[in-house]
Amino acid sequence: MRRLPVIVLALALAAALPACGKKGDPGTVPGGNYPTSYPQR
């Protein structure tokens, strides 16, 4: 029974990992200004 909280915590952390990270480049929005070009020095 002592291992149950550790196993639950490990499963919760493993399930949360895919939620982190880059999902991809943002799409274009009609009327939006992305990607923005910035002036070079």
N, C-alpha and C. Protein backbone atom coordinates (compact mmCIF):
# COMPACT_ATOMS: atom_id res chain seq x y z
N MET A 1 0.82 -1.21 0.00
CA MET A 1 0.00 0.00 0.00
C MET A 1 0.85 1.26 0.00
N ARG A 2 2.07 1.16 0.47
CA ARG A 2 2.92 2.35 0.51
C ARG A 2 3.36 2.77 -0.88
N ARG A 3 3.37 1.83 -1.81
CA ARG A 3 3.81 2.13 -3.18
C ARG A 3 2.74 2.82 -4.01
N LEU A 4 1.50 2.70 -3.62
CA LEU A 4 0.40 3.25 -4.40
C LEU A 4 0.53 4.75 -4.63
N PRO A 5 0.79 5.58 -3.62
CA PRO A 5 0.93 7.02 -3.89
C PRO A 5 2.09 7.33 -4.83
N VAL A 6 3.16 6.57 -4.74
CA VAL A 6 4.31 6.80 -5.63
C VAL A 6 3.95 6.44 -7.06
N ILE A 7 3.23 5.34 -7.23
CA ILE A 7 2.82 4.93 -8.57
C ILE A 7 1.84 5.93 -9.17
N VAL A 8 0.90 6.40 -8.37
CA VAL A 8 -0.07 7.39 -8.85
C VAL A 8 0.64 8.68 -9.23
N LEU A 9 1.60 9.12 -8.44
CA LEU A 9 2.35 10.33 -8.75
C LEU A 9 3.15 10.16 -10.03
N ALA A 10 3.79 9.02 -10.21
CA ALA A 10 4.56 8.77 -11.42
C ALA A 10 3.66 8.75 -12.66
N LEU A 11 2.49 8.15 -12.55
CA LEU A 11 1.55 8.13 -13.67
C LEU A 11 1.03 9.53 -13.99
N ALA A 12 0.78 10.32 -12.96
CA ALA A 12 0.29 11.69 -13.18
C ALA A 12 1.36 12.54 -13.88
N LEU A 13 2.61 12.38 -13.46
CA LEU A 13 3.69 13.12 -14.11
C LEU A 13 3.88 12.67 -15.55
N ALA A 14 3.81 11.38 -15.79
CA ALA A 14 3.97 10.86 -17.14
C ALA A 14 2.82 11.32 -18.05
N ALA A 15 1.64 11.45 -17.50
CA ALA A 15 0.50 11.89 -18.30
C ALA A 15 0.57 13.39 -18.60
N ALA A 16 1.23 14.15 -17.72
CA ALA A 16 1.31 15.60 -17.91
C ALA A 16 2.42 16.00 -18.88
N LEU A 17 3.40 15.13 -19.10
CA LEU A 17 4.53 15.49 -19.97
C LEU A 17 4.13 15.80 -21.41
N PRO A 18 3.22 15.06 -22.03
CA PRO A 18 2.84 15.40 -23.41
C PRO A 18 2.17 16.77 -23.54
N ALA A 19 1.67 17.31 -22.45
CA ALA A 19 1.02 18.62 -22.50
C ALA A 19 2.04 19.74 -22.61
N CYS A 20 3.30 19.46 -22.31
CA CYS A 20 4.34 20.46 -22.39
C CYS A 20 4.99 20.42 -23.76
N GLY A 21 5.57 21.55 -24.13
CA GLY A 21 6.32 21.56 -25.37
C GLY A 21 5.60 22.31 -26.48
N LYS A 22 6.31 22.47 -27.56
CA LYS A 22 5.79 23.23 -28.71
C LYS A 22 4.86 22.35 -29.52
N LYS A 23 3.70 22.87 -29.82
CA LYS A 23 2.72 22.13 -30.60
C LYS A 23 2.86 22.40 -32.10
N GLY A 24 3.56 23.46 -32.45
CA GLY A 24 3.72 23.81 -33.86
C GLY A 24 3.66 25.32 -34.01
N ASP A 25 3.96 25.76 -35.21
CA ASP A 25 3.92 27.19 -35.47
C ASP A 25 2.48 27.68 -35.47
N PRO A 26 2.25 28.90 -34.99
CA PRO A 26 0.89 29.43 -35.00
C PRO A 26 0.40 29.64 -36.42
N GLY A 27 -0.84 29.41 -36.64
CA GLY A 27 -1.42 29.58 -37.97
C GLY A 27 -1.68 31.05 -38.26
N THR A 28 -1.99 31.32 -39.50
CA THR A 28 -2.30 32.69 -39.88
C THR A 28 -3.74 33.01 -39.50
N VAL A 29 -3.93 34.21 -39.02
CA VAL A 29 -5.25 34.68 -38.63
C VAL A 29 -5.67 35.75 -39.64
N PRO A 30 -6.86 35.66 -40.18
CA PRO A 30 -7.29 36.69 -41.11
C PRO A 30 -7.29 38.07 -40.44
N GLY A 31 -6.59 39.01 -41.05
CA GLY A 31 -6.48 40.34 -40.49
C GLY A 31 -5.37 40.46 -39.46
N GLY A 32 -4.66 39.39 -39.19
CA GLY A 32 -3.59 39.43 -38.21
C GLY A 32 -2.29 39.90 -38.85
N ASN A 33 -1.29 40.17 -38.03
CA ASN A 33 -0.01 40.64 -38.55
C ASN A 33 1.11 39.66 -38.23
N TYR A 34 0.80 38.38 -38.17
CA TYR A 34 1.83 37.37 -37.93
C TYR A 34 2.17 36.71 -39.25
N PRO A 35 3.36 36.45 -39.61
CA PRO A 35 4.59 36.82 -38.90
C PRO A 35 4.93 38.29 -39.12
N THR A 36 5.46 38.90 -38.10
CA THR A 36 5.82 40.30 -38.17
C THR A 36 7.30 40.40 -38.56
N SER A 37 7.59 41.28 -39.50
CA SER A 37 9.00 41.48 -39.87
C SER A 37 9.48 42.71 -39.12
N TYR A 38 10.58 42.56 -38.43
CA TYR A 38 11.14 43.64 -37.63
C TYR A 38 12.31 44.28 -38.38
N PRO A 39 12.51 45.58 -38.20
CA PRO A 39 13.62 46.24 -38.89
C PRO A 39 14.96 45.72 -38.41
N GLN A 40 15.88 45.62 -39.34
CA GLN A 40 17.22 45.17 -39.01
C GLN A 40 18.08 46.38 -38.69
N ARG A 41 19.08 46.18 -37.85
CA ARG A 41 19.96 47.29 -37.49
C ARG A 41 20.95 47.55 -38.57
